[in-house]
Structures are given as C-alpha cells and as structure tokens.
C-alpha cells in the first residue's frame, strides 16, 4: 500500500516470487475518455534534514523532532527481529504533553509501516 496522504506499508513477510498474479482484463467503457499527458516540474531532492532532537514521548514512543514542518521522503535503516512491526507516524505539531498531534492531519494516516519477515 502506498498513498500520498495515508503513507506506505511494506510487508517483508510476503515473498514476491510466490504471489499468484492475475493478468489484467480489458474493460469496455461506456464513454470515451480524453487522455492526455500532464507534465510538471520534476521532483528533486534539494535538502537533507536530520532530526534536531530525539526523545521518548508520553506513550513510550521515540520522537524525532526536525524543528520545522516540511514535505519530503523519510529515509531510515532498521534492524527488525522476526515478525516485528515498526510504525513511523508523521505529524506537523506536538501536543502540550510532547506527543504527536495528528488531529490537524484530519483523515490522513501519514504513517509508514514495516512488517518484518522470514523469507528475506
């Protein structure tokens, strides 16, 4: 699963070589869509940010504070043990108790989830 607003889920327990893929089927449309290429400026990395602060939040979670709001892609390395699940939640502001305030995100999940597995 990958979505701009909801984030991404990667499940390493699934062996892509063992997935039974089904071929796409042709669909007879009831209308003729107007298809066109929509080009825009390329997306390029122009800055790499590192957390300014790291601390344990009120629920025991590790919080990395970058000191600013930004749009970007998170890059990280982890060592998962067996069937562990690692979740990274994004937020724009902190609550008064120091935890992540996800209420301003409305329905967006803004979450990366990694499920550790055995087949790797």
PDB file of N, CA and C in Angstrom:
ATOM      1  N   UNK A   1       0.857  -1.170   0.000  1.00  0.00           N
ATOM      2  CA  UNK A   1       0.000   0.000   0.000  1.00  0.00           C
ATOM      3  C   UNK A   1       0.899   1.227   0.000  1.00  0.00           C
ATOM      4  N   UNK A   2       0.582   2.174  -0.851  1.00  0.00           N
ATOM      5  CA  UNK A   2       1.321   3.429  -0.875  1.00  0.00           C
ATOM      6  C   UNK A   2       0.358   4.535  -1.296  1.00  0.00           C
ATOM      7  N   UNK A   3       0.342   5.608  -0.529  1.00  0.00           N
ATOM      8  CA  UNK A   3      -0.595   6.699  -0.794  1.00  0.00           C
ATOM      9  C   UNK A   3       0.022   8.002  -0.295  1.00  0.00           C
ATOM     10  N   UNK A   4      -0.212   9.099  -1.015  1.00  0.00           N
ATOM     11  CA  UNK A   4       0.347  10.397  -0.611  1.00  0.00           C
ATOM     12  C   UNK A   4      -0.074  10.794   0.798  1.00  0.00           C
ATOM     13  N   UNK A   5      -1.334  10.584   1.146  1.00  0.00           N
ATOM     14  CA  UNK A   5      -1.852  11.042   2.430  1.00  0.00           C
ATOM     15  C   UNK A   5      -1.789   9.978   3.525  1.00  0.00           C
ATOM     16  N   UNK A   6      -1.971   8.729   3.158  1.00  0.00           N
ATOM     17  CA  UNK A   6      -2.029   7.695   4.172  1.00  0.00           C
ATOM     18  C   UNK A   6      -0.683   7.045   4.458  1.00  0.00           C
ATOM     19  N   UNK A   7       0.284   7.200   3.580  1.00  0.00           N
ATOM     20  CA  UNK A   7       1.604   6.645   3.836  1.00  0.00           C
ATOM     21  C   UNK A   7       1.849   5.366   3.062  1.00  0.00           C
ATOM     22  N   UNK A   8       2.706   4.510   3.610  1.00  0.00           N
ATOM     23  CA  UNK A   8       3.105   3.294   2.908  1.00  0.00           C
ATOM     24  C   UNK A   8       3.228   2.145   3.891  1.00  0.00           C
ATOM     25  N   UNK A   9       2.846   0.958   3.425  1.00  0.00           N
ATOM     26  CA  UNK A   9       3.020  -0.262   4.206  1.00  0.00           C
ATOM     27  C   UNK A   9       3.859  -1.225   3.387  1.00  0.00           C
ATOM     28  N   UNK A  10       4.909  -1.758   4.010  1.00  0.00           N
ATOM     29  CA  UNK A  10       5.757  -2.760   3.360  1.00  0.00           C
ATOM     30  C   UNK A  10       5.758  -3.997   4.227  1.00  0.00           C
ATOM     31  N   UNK A  11       5.408  -5.129   3.643  1.00  0.00           N
ATOM     32  CA  UNK A  11       5.341  -6.382   4.381  1.00  0.00           C
ATOM     33  C   UNK A  11       6.392  -7.329   3.830  1.00  0.00           C
ATOM     34  N   UNK A  12       7.510  -7.436   4.538  1.00  0.00           N
ATOM     35  CA  UNK A  12       8.599  -8.281   4.054  1.00  0.00           C
ATOM     36  C   UNK A  12       8.321  -9.765   4.281  1.00  0.00           C
ATOM     37  N   UNK A  13       7.199 -10.091   4.907  1.00  0.00           N
ATOM     38  CA  UNK A  13       6.827 -11.498   5.099  1.00  0.00           C
ATOM     39  C   UNK A  13       6.285 -12.096   3.805  1.00  0.00           C
ATOM     40  N   UNK A  14       5.959 -11.242   2.837  1.00  0.00           N
ATOM     41  CA  UNK A  14       5.402 -11.710   1.576  1.00  0.00           C
ATOM     42  C   UNK A  14       6.535 -11.888   0.568  1.00  0.00           C
ATOM     43  N   UNK A  15       6.659 -13.080   0.039  1.00  0.00           N
ATOM     44  CA  UNK A  15       7.672 -13.364  -0.972  1.00  0.00           C
ATOM     45  C   UNK A  15       7.085 -13.018  -2.335  1.00  0.00           C
ATOM     46  N   UNK A  16       7.588 -11.973  -3.006  1.00  0.00           N
ATOM     47  CA  UNK A  16       7.007 -11.572  -4.284  1.00  0.00           C
ATOM     48  C   UNK A  16       7.098 -12.654  -5.358  1.00  0.00           C
ATOM     49  N   UNK A  17       8.015 -13.595  -5.206  1.00  0.00           N
ATOM     50  CA  UNK A  17       8.147 -14.674  -6.190  1.00  0.00           C
ATOM     51  C   UNK A  17       7.051 -15.730  -6.023  1.00  0.00           C
ATOM     52  N   UNK A  18       6.326 -15.683  -4.898  1.00  0.00           N
ATOM     53  CA  UNK A  18       5.280 -16.672  -4.640  1.00  0.00           C
ATOM     54  C   UNK A  18       3.875 -16.098  -4.769  1.00  0.00           C
ATOM     55  N   UNK A  19       3.758 -14.868  -5.232  1.00  0.00           N
ATOM     56  CA  UNK A  19       2.442 -14.248  -5.387  1.00  0.00           C
ATOM     57  C   UNK A  19       1.819 -14.735  -6.688  1.00  0.00           C
ATOM     58  N   UNK A  20       0.559 -15.113  -6.628  1.00  0.00           N
ATOM     59  CA  UNK A  20      -0.173 -15.542  -7.826  1.00  0.00           C
ATOM     60  C   UNK A  20      -0.787 -14.297  -8.473  1.00  0.00           C
ATOM     61  N   UNK A  21      -0.061 -13.721  -9.402  1.00  0.00           N
ATOM     62  CA  UNK A  21      -0.551 -12.537 -10.096  1.00  0.00           C
ATOM     63  C   UNK A  21      -1.585 -12.933 -11.135  1.00  0.00           C
ATOM     64  N   UNK A  22      -2.556 -12.080 -11.371  1.00  0.00           N
ATOM     65  CA  UNK A  22      -3.582 -12.317 -12.380  1.00  0.00           C
ATOM     66  C   UNK A  22      -3.412 -11.280 -13.485  1.00  0.00           C
ATOM     67  N   UNK A  23      -3.514 -11.706 -14.729  1.00  0.00           N
ATOM     68  CA  UNK A  23      -3.361 -10.734 -15.814  1.00  0.00           C
ATOM     69  C   UNK A  23      -4.505  -9.720 -15.810  1.00  0.00           C
ATOM     70  N   UNK A  24      -4.203  -8.543 -16.288  1.00  0.00           N
ATOM     71  CA  UNK A  24      -5.227  -7.504 -16.393  1.00  0.00           C
ATOM     72  C   UNK A  24      -6.250  -7.905 -17.451  1.00  0.00           C
ATOM     73  N   UNK A  25      -7.459  -7.429 -17.286  1.00  0.00           N
ATOM     74  CA  UNK A  25      -8.508  -7.723 -18.267  1.00  0.00           C
ATOM     75  C   UNK A  25      -8.915  -6.439 -18.979  1.00  0.00           C
ATOM     76  N   UNK A  26      -9.372  -6.589 -20.207  1.00  0.00           N
ATOM     77  CA  UNK A  26      -9.857  -5.430 -20.961  1.00  0.00           C
ATOM     78  C   UNK A  26     -11.242  -5.074 -20.459  1.00  0.00           C
ATOM     79  N   UNK A  27     -11.507  -3.807 -20.416  1.00  0.00           N
ATOM     80  CA  UNK A  27     -12.801  -3.307 -19.931  1.00  0.00           C
ATOM     81  C   UNK A  27     -13.454  -2.486 -21.027  1.00  0.00           C
ATOM     82  N   UNK A  28     -14.701  -2.745 -21.306  1.00  0.00           N
ATOM     83  CA  UNK A  28     -15.451  -1.970 -22.301  1.00  0.00           C
ATOM     84  C   UNK A  28     -16.066  -0.777 -21.589  1.00  0.00           C
ATOM     85  N   UNK A  29     -15.584   0.416 -21.903  1.00  0.00           N
ATOM     86  CA  UNK A  29     -16.068   1.626 -21.258  1.00  0.00           C
ATOM     87  C   UNK A  29     -17.338   2.128 -21.927  1.00  0.00           C
ATOM     88  N   UNK A  30     -18.171   2.779 -21.164  1.00  0.00           N
ATOM     89  CA  UNK A  30     -19.418   3.342 -21.686  1.00  0.00           C
ATOM     90  C   UNK A  30     -19.224   4.768 -22.212  1.00  0.00           C
ATOM     91  N   UNK A  31     -18.010   5.256 -22.154  1.00  0.00           N
ATOM     92  CA  UNK A  31     -17.699   6.591 -22.637  1.00  0.00           C
ATOM     93  C   UNK A  31     -16.292   6.570 -23.212  1.00  0.00           C
ATOM     94  N   UNK A  32     -15.912   7.618 -23.918  1.00  0.00           N
ATOM     95  CA  UNK A  32     -14.563   7.726 -24.466  1.00  0.00           C
ATOM     96  C   UNK A  32     -13.807   8.771 -23.659  1.00  0.00           C
ATOM     97  N   UNK A  33     -12.889   8.323 -22.830  1.00  0.00           N
ATOM     98  CA  UNK A  33     -12.167   9.305 -22.005  1.00  0.00           C
ATOM     99  C   UNK A  33     -11.181  10.120 -22.841  1.00  0.00           C
ATOM    100  N   UNK A  34     -10.983  11.351 -22.415  1.00  0.00           N
ATOM    101  CA  UNK A  34      -9.991  12.220 -23.050  1.00  0.00           C
ATOM    102  C   UNK A  34      -8.678  12.022 -22.277  1.00  0.00           C
ATOM    103  N   UNK A  35      -7.744  11.304 -22.862  1.00  0.00           N
ATOM    104  CA  UNK A  35      -6.468  11.017 -22.207  1.00  0.00           C
ATOM    105  C   UNK A  35      -5.414  12.000 -22.699  1.00  0.00           C
ATOM    106  N   UNK A  36      -4.629  12.506 -21.756  1.00  0.00           N
ATOM    107  CA  UNK A  36      -3.557  13.420 -22.124  1.00  0.00           C
ATOM    108  C   UNK A  36      -2.447  13.322 -21.088  1.00  0.00           C
ATOM    109  N   UNK A  37      -1.250  13.625 -21.529  1.00  0.00           N
ATOM    110  CA  UNK A  37      -0.096  13.629 -20.630  1.00  0.00           C
ATOM    111  C   UNK A  37      -0.074  14.954 -19.887  1.00  0.00           C
ATOM    112  N   UNK A  38       0.135  14.892 -18.597  1.00  0.00           N
ATOM    113  CA  UNK A  38       0.171  16.099 -17.782  1.00  0.00           C
ATOM    114  C   UNK A  38       1.566  16.199 -17.162  1.00  0.00           C
ATOM    115  N   UNK A  39       2.392  17.045 -17.723  1.00  0.00           N
ATOM    116  CA  UNK A  39       3.768  17.165 -17.265  1.00  0.00           C
ATOM    117  C   UNK A  39       3.898  18.357 -16.324  1.00  0.00           C
ATOM    118  N   UNK A  40       4.766  18.213 -15.363  1.00  0.00           N
ATOM    119  CA  UNK A  40       5.054  19.319 -14.456  1.00  0.00           C
ATOM    120  C   UNK A  40       6.548  19.304 -14.161  1.00  0.00           C
ATOM    121  N   UNK A  41       6.952  20.163 -13.293  1.00  0.00           N
ATOM    122  CA  UNK A  41       8.362  20.223 -12.920  1.00  0.00           C
ATOM    123  C   UNK A  41       8.772  18.907 -12.257  1.00  0.00           C
ATOM    124  N   UNK A  42       9.988  18.453 -12.490  1.00  0.00           N
ATOM    125  CA  UNK A  42      10.430  17.222 -11.836  1.00  0.00           C
ATOM    126  C   UNK A  42      10.590  17.433 -10.332  1.00  0.00           C
ATOM    127  N   UNK A  43      10.369  16.385  -9.585  1.00  0.00           N
ATOM    128  CA  UNK A  43      10.570  16.428  -8.143  1.00  0.00           C
ATOM    129  C   UNK A  43      12.006  15.994  -7.873  1.00  0.00           C
ATOM    130  N   UNK A  44      12.768  16.874  -7.252  1.00  0.00           N
ATOM    131  CA  UNK A  44      14.173  16.563  -6.967  1.00  0.00           C
ATOM    132  C   UNK A  44      14.465  16.904  -5.513  1.00  0.00           C
ATOM    133  N   UNK A  45      15.388  16.171  -4.945  1.00  0.00           N
ATOM    134  CA  UNK A  45      15.816  16.462  -3.579  1.00  0.00           C
ATOM    135  C   UNK A  45      16.666  17.722  -3.603  1.00  0.00           C
ATOM    136  N   UNK A  46      16.354  18.655  -2.718  1.00  0.00           N
ATOM    137  CA  UNK A  46      17.172  19.865  -2.660  1.00  0.00           C
ATOM    138  C   UNK A  46      17.767  20.082  -1.285  1.00  0.00           C
ATOM    139  N   UNK A  47      17.385  19.234  -0.336  1.00  0.00           N
ATOM    140  CA  UNK A  47      17.921  19.382   1.010  1.00  0.00           C
ATOM    141  C   UNK A  47      17.724  18.079   1.773  1.00  0.00           C
ATOM    142  N   UNK A  48      18.654  17.747   2.635  1.00  0.00           N
ATOM    143  CA  UNK A  48      18.513  16.593   3.518  1.00  0.00           C
ATOM    144  C   UNK A  48      18.459  17.108   4.948  1.00  0.00           C
ATOM    145  N   UNK A  49      17.385  16.778   5.632  1.00  0.00           N
ATOM    146  CA  UNK A  49      17.217  17.225   7.018  1.00  0.00           C
ATOM    147  C   UNK A  49      17.523  16.088   7.978  1.00  0.00           C
ATOM    148  N   UNK A  50      18.097  16.428   9.088  1.00  0.00           N
ATOM    149  CA  UNK A  50      18.339  15.460  10.159  1.00  0.00           C
ATOM    150  C   UNK A  50      17.606  15.965  11.398  1.00  0.00           C
ATOM    151  N   UNK A  51      17.145  15.050  12.245  1.00  0.00           N
ATOM    152  CA  UNK A  51      16.421  15.477  13.448  1.00  0.00           C
ATOM    153  C   UNK A  51      17.296  16.363  14.338  1.00  0.00           C
ATOM    154  N   UNK A  52      16.671  17.392  14.919  1.00  0.00           N
ATOM    155  CA  UNK A  52      17.373  18.260  15.861  1.00  0.00           C
ATOM    156  C   UNK A  52      17.331  17.677  17.268  1.00  0.00           C
ATOM    157  N   UNK A  53      16.228  16.979  17.553  1.00  0.00           N
ATOM    158  CA  UNK A  53      16.046  16.407  18.893  1.00  0.00           C
ATOM    159  C   UNK A  53      15.450  15.015  18.774  1.00  0.00           C
ATOM    160  N   UNK A  54      15.819  14.146  19.703  1.00  0.00           N
ATOM    161  CA  UNK A  54      15.225  12.809  19.812  1.00  0.00           C
ATOM    162  C   UNK A  54      14.886  12.603  21.273  1.00  0.00           C
ATOM    163  N   UNK A  55      13.650  12.175  21.542  1.00  0.00           N
ATOM    164  CA  UNK A  55      13.259  11.922  22.924  1.00  0.00           C
ATOM    165  C   UNK A  55      12.136  10.906  22.977  1.00  0.00           C
ATOM    166  N   UNK A  56      11.847  10.417  24.156  1.00  0.00           N
ATOM    167  CA  UNK A  56      10.771   9.457  24.360  1.00  0.00           C
ATOM    168  C   UNK A  56       9.507  10.220  24.721  1.00  0.00           C
ATOM    169  N   UNK A  57       8.437   9.963  23.959  1.00  0.00           N
ATOM    170  CA  UNK A  57       7.166  10.634  24.170  1.00  0.00           C
ATOM    171  C   UNK A  57       6.395  10.045  25.338  1.00  0.00           C
ATOM    172  N   UNK A  58       5.248  10.624  25.647  1.00  0.00           N
ATOM    173  CA  UNK A  58       4.466  10.212  26.805  1.00  0.00           C
ATOM    174  C   UNK A  58       3.912   8.786  26.716  1.00  0.00           C
ATOM    175  N   UNK A  59       3.851   8.221  25.522  1.00  0.00           N
ATOM    176  CA  UNK A  59       3.351   6.846  25.351  1.00  0.00           C
ATOM    177  C   UNK A  59       4.486   5.848  25.158  1.00  0.00           C
ATOM    178  N   UNK A  60       5.720   6.296  25.371  1.00  0.00           N
ATOM    179  CA  UNK A  60       6.872   5.423  25.224  1.00  0.00           C
ATOM    180  C   UNK A  60       7.441   5.376  23.816  1.00  0.00           C
ATOM    181  N   UNK A  61       6.882   6.161  22.921  1.00  0.00           N
ATOM    182  CA  UNK A  61       7.349   6.173  21.540  1.00  0.00           C
ATOM    183  C   UNK A  61       8.583   7.061  21.401  1.00  0.00           C
ATOM    184  N   UNK A  62       9.441   6.750  20.444  1.00  0.00           N
ATOM    185  CA  UNK A  62      10.593   7.593  20.146  1.00  0.00           C
ATOM    186  C   UNK A  62      10.144   8.684  19.184  1.00  0.00           C
ATOM    187  N   UNK A  63      10.421   9.920  19.526  1.00  0.00           N
ATOM    188  CA  UNK A  63      10.020  11.056  18.694  1.00  0.00           C
ATOM    189  C   UNK A  63      11.274  11.759  18.187  1.00  0.00           C
ATOM    190  N   UNK A  64      11.297  11.970  16.872  1.00  0.00           N
ATOM    191  CA  UNK A  64      12.363  12.727  16.233  1.00  0.00           C
ATOM    192  C   UNK A  64      11.774  14.062  15.816  1.00  0.00           C
ATOM    193  N   UNK A  65      12.318  15.136  16.331  1.00  0.00           N
ATOM    194  CA  UNK A  65      11.827  16.479  16.045  1.00  0.00           C
ATOM    195  C   UNK A  65      12.799  17.149  15.080  1.00  0.00           C
ATOM    196  N   UNK A  66      12.292  17.523  13.904  1.00  0.00           N
ATOM    197  CA  UNK A  66      13.120  18.166  12.891  1.00  0.00           C
ATOM    198  C   UNK A  66      13.129  19.683  13.043  1.00  0.00           C
ATOM    199  N   UNK A  67      12.343  20.222  13.967  1.00  0.00           N
ATOM    200  CA  UNK A  67      12.358  21.651  14.236  1.00  0.00           C
ATOM    201  C   UNK A  67      11.599  22.494  13.229  1.00  0.00           C
ATOM    202  N   UNK A  68      10.983  21.856  12.248  1.00  0.00           N
ATOM    203  CA  UNK A  68      10.231  22.588  11.240  1.00  0.00           C
ATOM    204  C   UNK A  68       9.276  21.635  10.543  1.00  0.00           C
ATOM    205  N   UNK A  69       8.281  22.201   9.908  1.00  0.00           N
ATOM    206  CA  UNK A  69       7.355  21.428   9.094  1.00  0.00           C
ATOM    207  C   UNK A  69       7.939  21.350   7.688  1.00  0.00           C
ATOM    208  N   UNK A  70       7.838  20.197   7.050  1.00  0.00           N
ATOM    209  CA  UNK A  70       8.359  20.061   5.694  1.00  0.00           C
ATOM    210  C   UNK A  70       7.620  18.953   4.958  1.00  0.00           C
ATOM    211  N   UNK A  71       7.699  18.981   3.659  1.00  0.00           N
ATOM    212  CA  UNK A  71       7.192  17.902   2.822  1.00  0.00           C
ATOM    213  C   UNK A  71       8.399  17.170   2.268  1.00  0.00           C
ATOM    214  N   UNK A  72       8.399  15.864   2.407  1.00  0.00           N
ATOM    215  CA  UNK A  72       9.548  15.130   1.922  1.00  0.00           C
ATOM    216  C   UNK A  72       9.382  13.643   2.072  1.00  0.00           C
ATOM    217  N   UNK A  73      10.472  12.947   1.893  1.00  0.00           N
ATOM    218  CA  UNK A  73      10.518  11.499   1.977  1.00  0.00           C
ATOM    219  C   UNK A  73      11.433  11.119   3.119  1.00  0.00           C
ATOM    220  N   UNK A  74      10.995  10.178   3.931  1.00  0.00           N
ATOM    221  CA  UNK A  74      11.782   9.719   5.066  1.00  0.00           C
ATOM    222  C   UNK A  74      12.700   8.593   4.610  1.00  0.00           C
ATOM    223  N   UNK A  75      13.941   8.654   5.020  1.00  0.00           N
ATOM    224  CA  UNK A  75      14.901   7.596   4.742  1.00  0.00           C
ATOM    225  C   UNK A  75      15.416   7.090   6.081  1.00  0.00           C
ATOM    226  N   UNK A  76      15.394   5.771   6.261  1.00  0.00           N
ATOM    227  CA  UNK A  76      15.848   5.218   7.530  1.00  0.00           C
ATOM    228  C   UNK A  76      16.324   3.785   7.337  1.00  0.00           C
ATOM    229  N   UNK A  77      17.113   3.317   8.275  1.00  0.00           N
ATOM    230  CA  UNK A  77      17.553   1.923   8.310  1.00  0.00           C
ATOM    231  C   UNK A  77      17.102   1.344   9.634  1.00  0.00           C
ATOM    232  N   UNK A  78      16.737   0.062   9.618  1.00  0.00           N
ATOM    233  CA  UNK A  78      16.325  -0.568  10.861  1.00  0.00           C
ATOM    234  C   UNK A  78      16.728  -2.024  10.858  1.00  0.00           C
ATOM    235  N   UNK A  79      16.800  -2.577  12.044  1.00  0.00           N
ATOM    236  CA  UNK A  79      17.049  -4.000  12.223  1.00  0.00           C
ATOM    237  C   UNK A  79      15.847  -4.566  12.961  1.00  0.00           C
ATOM    238  N   UNK A  80      14.986  -5.273  12.228  1.00  0.00           N
ATOM    239  CA  UNK A  80      13.790  -5.857  12.832  1.00  0.00           C
ATOM    240  C   UNK A  80      14.064  -7.312  13.180  1.00  0.00           C
ATOM    241  N   UNK A  81      13.509  -7.750  14.264  1.00  0.00           N
ATOM    242  CA  UNK A  81      13.667  -9.122  14.730  1.00  0.00           C
ATOM    243  C   UNK A  81      12.401  -9.909  14.416  1.00  0.00           C
ATOM    244  N   UNK A  82      12.495 -10.896  13.535  1.00  0.00           N
ATOM    245  CA  UNK A  82      11.357 -11.769  13.253  1.00  0.00           C
ATOM    246  C   UNK A  82      10.141 -11.037  12.745  1.00  0.00           C
ATOM    247  N   UNK A  83       9.019 -11.223  13.430  1.00  0.00           N
ATOM    248  CA  UNK A  83       7.747 -10.658  12.990  1.00  0.00           C
ATOM    249  C   UNK A  83       7.455  -9.291  13.590  1.00  0.00           C
ATOM    250  N   UNK A  84       8.472  -8.544  13.931  1.00  0.00           N
ATOM    251  CA  UNK A  84       8.238  -7.211  14.490  1.00  0.00           C
ATOM    252  C   UNK A  84       7.598  -6.283  13.467  1.00  0.00           C
ATOM    253  N   UNK A  85       6.806  -5.352  13.954  1.00  0.00           N
ATOM    254  CA  UNK A  85       6.229  -4.308  13.123  1.00  0.00           C
ATOM    255  C   UNK A  85       6.756  -2.969  13.624  1.00  0.00           C
ATOM    256  N   UNK A  86       7.266  -2.172  12.707  1.00  0.00           N
ATOM    257  CA  UNK A  86       7.777  -0.845  13.035  1.00  0.00           C
ATOM    258  C   UNK A  86       6.868   0.167  12.337  1.00  0.00           C
ATOM    259  N   UNK A  87       6.374   1.131  13.094  1.00  0.00           N
ATOM    260  CA  UNK A  87       5.484   2.148  12.544  1.00  0.00           C
ATOM    261  C   UNK A  87       6.088   3.527  12.755  1.00  0.00           C
ATOM    262  N   UNK A  88       6.100   4.313  11.697  1.00  0.00           N
ATOM    263  CA  UNK A  88       6.563   5.696  11.768  1.00  0.00           C
ATOM    264  C   UNK A  88       5.360   6.575  11.462  1.00  0.00           C
ATOM    265  N   UNK A  89       4.975   7.397  12.416  1.00  0.00           N
ATOM    266  CA  UNK A  89       3.849   8.307  12.238  1.00  0.00           C
ATOM    267  C   UNK A  89       4.386   9.717  12.072  1.00  0.00           C
ATOM    268  N   UNK A  90       3.780  10.455  11.157  1.00  0.00           N
ATOM    269  CA  UNK A  90       4.200  11.828  10.896  1.00  0.00           C
ATOM    270  C   UNK A  90       3.178  12.792  11.484  1.00  0.00           C
ATOM    271  N   UNK A  91       3.651  13.924  11.944  1.00  0.00           N
ATOM    272  CA  UNK A  91       2.764  14.969  12.452  1.00  0.00           C
ATOM    273  C   UNK A  91       3.423  16.316  12.204  1.00  0.00           C
ATOM    274  N   UNK A  92       2.602  17.341  12.176  1.00  0.00           N
ATOM    275  CA  UNK A  92       3.123  18.689  11.931  1.00  0.00           C
ATOM    276  C   UNK A  92       3.406  19.439  13.221  1.00  0.00           C
ATOM    277  N   UNK A  93       2.738  19.054  14.295  1.00  0.00           N
ATOM    278  CA  UNK A  93       2.915  19.744  15.580  1.00  0.00           C
ATOM    279  C   UNK A  93       2.906  18.722  16.708  1.00  0.00           C
ATOM    280  N   UNK A  94       3.355  19.190  17.862  1.00  0.00           N
ATOM    281  CA  UNK A  94       3.351  18.362  19.065  1.00  0.00           C
ATOM    282  C   UNK A  94       2.211  18.781  19.984  1.00  0.00           C
ATOM    283  N   UNK A  95       1.694  17.819  20.750  1.00  0.00           N
ATOM    284  CA  UNK A  95       0.692  18.138  21.758  1.00  0.00           C
ATOM    285  C   UNK A  95       1.394  18.814  22.943  1.00  0.00           C
ATOM    286  N   UNK A  96       0.609  19.355  23.859  1.00  0.00           N
ATOM    287  CA  UNK A  96       1.180  20.008  25.044  1.00  0.00           C
ATOM    288  C   UNK A  96       1.992  19.039  25.889  1.00  0.00           C
ATOM    289  N   UNK A  97       1.612  17.721  25.860  1.00  0.00           N
ATOM    290  CA  UNK A  97       2.356  16.736  26.657  1.00  0.00           C
ATOM    291  C   UNK A  97       3.601  16.218  25.946  1.00  0.00           C
ATOM    292  N   UNK A  98       3.900  16.744  24.731  1.00  0.00           N
ATOM    293  CA  UNK A  98       5.100  16.351  23.998  1.00  0.00           C
ATOM    294  C   UNK A  98       4.882  15.245  22.985  1.00  0.00           C
ATOM    295  N   UNK A  99       3.678  14.682  22.916  1.00  0.00           N
ATOM    296  CA  UNK A  99       3.372  13.640  21.935  1.00  0.00           C
ATOM    297  C   UNK A  99       3.002  14.237  20.591  1.00  0.00           C
ATOM    298  N   UNK A 100       2.848  13.360  19.597  1.00  0.00           N
ATOM    299  CA  UNK A 100       2.483  13.816  18.264  1.00  0.00           C
ATOM    300  C   UNK A 100       1.015  14.214  18.209  1.00  0.00           C
ATOM    301  N   UNK A 101       0.736  15.372  17.646  1.00  0.00           N
ATOM    302  CA  UNK A 101      -0.644  15.822  17.474  1.00  0.00           C
ATOM    303  C   UNK A 101      -1.041  15.553  16.029  1.00  0.00           C
ATOM    304  N   UNK A 102      -1.785  14.468  15.805  1.00  0.00           N
ATOM    305  CA  UNK A 102      -2.188  14.094  14.456  1.00  0.00           C
ATOM    306  C   UNK A 102      -3.566  14.646  14.092  1.00  0.00           C
ATOM    307  N   UNK A 103      -4.241  15.326  15.009  1.00  0.00           N
ATOM    308  CA  UNK A 103      -5.577  15.874  14.742  1.00  0.00           C
ATOM    309  C   UNK A 103      -5.583  16.821  13.528  1.00  0.00           C
ATOM    310  N   UNK A 104      -4.567  17.694  13.345  1.00  0.00           N
ATOM    311  CA  UNK A 104      -4.594  18.580  12.175  1.00  0.00           C
ATOM    312  C   UNK A 104      -4.501  17.845  10.837  1.00  0.00           C
ATOM    313  N   UNK A 105      -4.093  16.573  10.857  1.00  0.00           N
ATOM    314  CA  UNK A 105      -3.984  15.811   9.609  1.00  0.00           C
ATOM    315  C   UNK A 105      -5.340  15.343   9.098  1.00  0.00           C
ATOM    316  N   UNK A 106      -6.392  15.565   9.898  1.00  0.00           N
ATOM    317  CA  UNK A 106      -7.761  15.144   9.570  1.00  0.00           C
ATOM    318  C   UNK A 106      -7.782  13.641   9.300  1.00  0.00           C
ATOM    319  N   UNK A 107      -8.184  13.214   8.122  1.00  0.00           N
ATOM    320  CA  UNK A 107      -8.317  11.776   7.859  1.00  0.00           C
ATOM    321  C   UNK A 107      -7.029  11.131   7.348  1.00  0.00           C
ATOM    322  N   UNK A 108      -6.004  11.918   7.056  1.00  0.00           N
ATOM    323  CA  UNK A 108      -4.749  11.363   6.544  1.00  0.00           C
ATOM    324  C   UNK A 108      -4.058  10.538   7.628  1.00  0.00           C
ATOM    325  N   UNK A 109      -3.621   9.356   7.276  1.00  0.00           N
ATOM    326  CA  UNK A 109      -2.921   8.495   8.237  1.00  0.00           C
ATOM    327  C   UNK A 109      -1.453   8.908   8.397  1.00  0.00           C
ATOM    328  N   UNK A 110      -0.822   9.352   7.322  1.00  0.00           N
ATOM    329  CA  UNK A 110       0.576   9.816   7.352  1.00  0.00           C
ATOM    330  C   UNK A 110       1.459   8.872   8.156  1.00  0.00           C
ATOM    331  N   UNK A 111       1.499   7.614   7.722  1.00  0.00           N
ATOM    332  CA  UNK A 111       2.161   6.574   8.512  1.00  0.00           C
ATOM    333  C   UNK A 111       2.920   5.621   7.596  1.00  0.00           C
ATOM    334  N   UNK A 112       4.129   5.253   8.007  1.00  0.00           N
ATOM    335  CA  UNK A 112       4.902   4.214   7.331  1.00  0.00           C
ATOM    336  C   UNK A 112       4.886   3.000   8.249  1.00  0.00           C
ATOM    337  N   UNK A 113       4.550   1.847   7.692  1.00  0.00           N
ATOM    338  CA  UNK A 113       4.517   0.618   8.489  1.00  0.00           C
ATOM    339  C   UNK A 113       5.379  -0.433   7.798  1.00  0.00           C
ATOM    340  N   UNK A 114       6.262  -1.032   8.567  1.00  0.00           N
ATOM    341  CA  UNK A 114       7.124  -2.100   8.074  1.00  0.00           C
ATOM    342  C   UNK A 114       6.844  -3.346   8.903  1.00  0.00           C
ATOM    343  N   UNK A 115       6.495  -4.426   8.221  1.00  0.00           N
ATOM    344  CA  UNK A 115       6.303  -5.715   8.887  1.00  0.00           C
ATOM    345  C   UNK A 115       7.520  -6.582   8.586  1.00  0.00           C
ATOM    346  N   UNK A 116       8.235  -6.995   9.637  1.00  0.00           N
ATOM    347  CA  UNK A 116       9.413  -7.854   9.478  1.00  0.00           C
ATOM    348  C   UNK A 116       8.994  -9.243   9.088  1.00  0.00           C
ATOM    349  N   UNK A 117       9.887  -9.962   8.440  1.00  0.00           N
ATOM    350  CA  UNK A 117       9.505 -11.282   7.965  1.00  0.00           C
ATOM    351  C   UNK A 117      10.625 -12.292   8.011  1.00  0.00           C
ATOM    352  N   UNK A 118      10.352 -13.431   7.428  1.00  0.00           N
ATOM    353  CA  UNK A 118      11.284 -14.563   7.500  1.00  0.00           C
ATOM    354  C   UNK A 118      11.927 -14.935   6.178  1.00  0.00           C
ATOM    355  N   UNK A 119      11.317 -14.583   5.059  1.00  0.00           N
ATOM    356  CA  UNK A 119      11.798 -15.100   3.795  1.00  0.00           C
ATOM    357  C   UNK A 119      13.031 -14.384   3.270  1.00  0.00           C
ATOM    358  N   UNK A 120      13.360 -13.203   3.796  1.00  0.00           N
ATOM    359  CA  UNK A 120      14.499 -12.433   3.266  1.00  0.00           C
ATOM    360  C   UNK A 120      15.798 -13.170   3.421  1.00  0.00           C
TER     361      UNK A 120
END
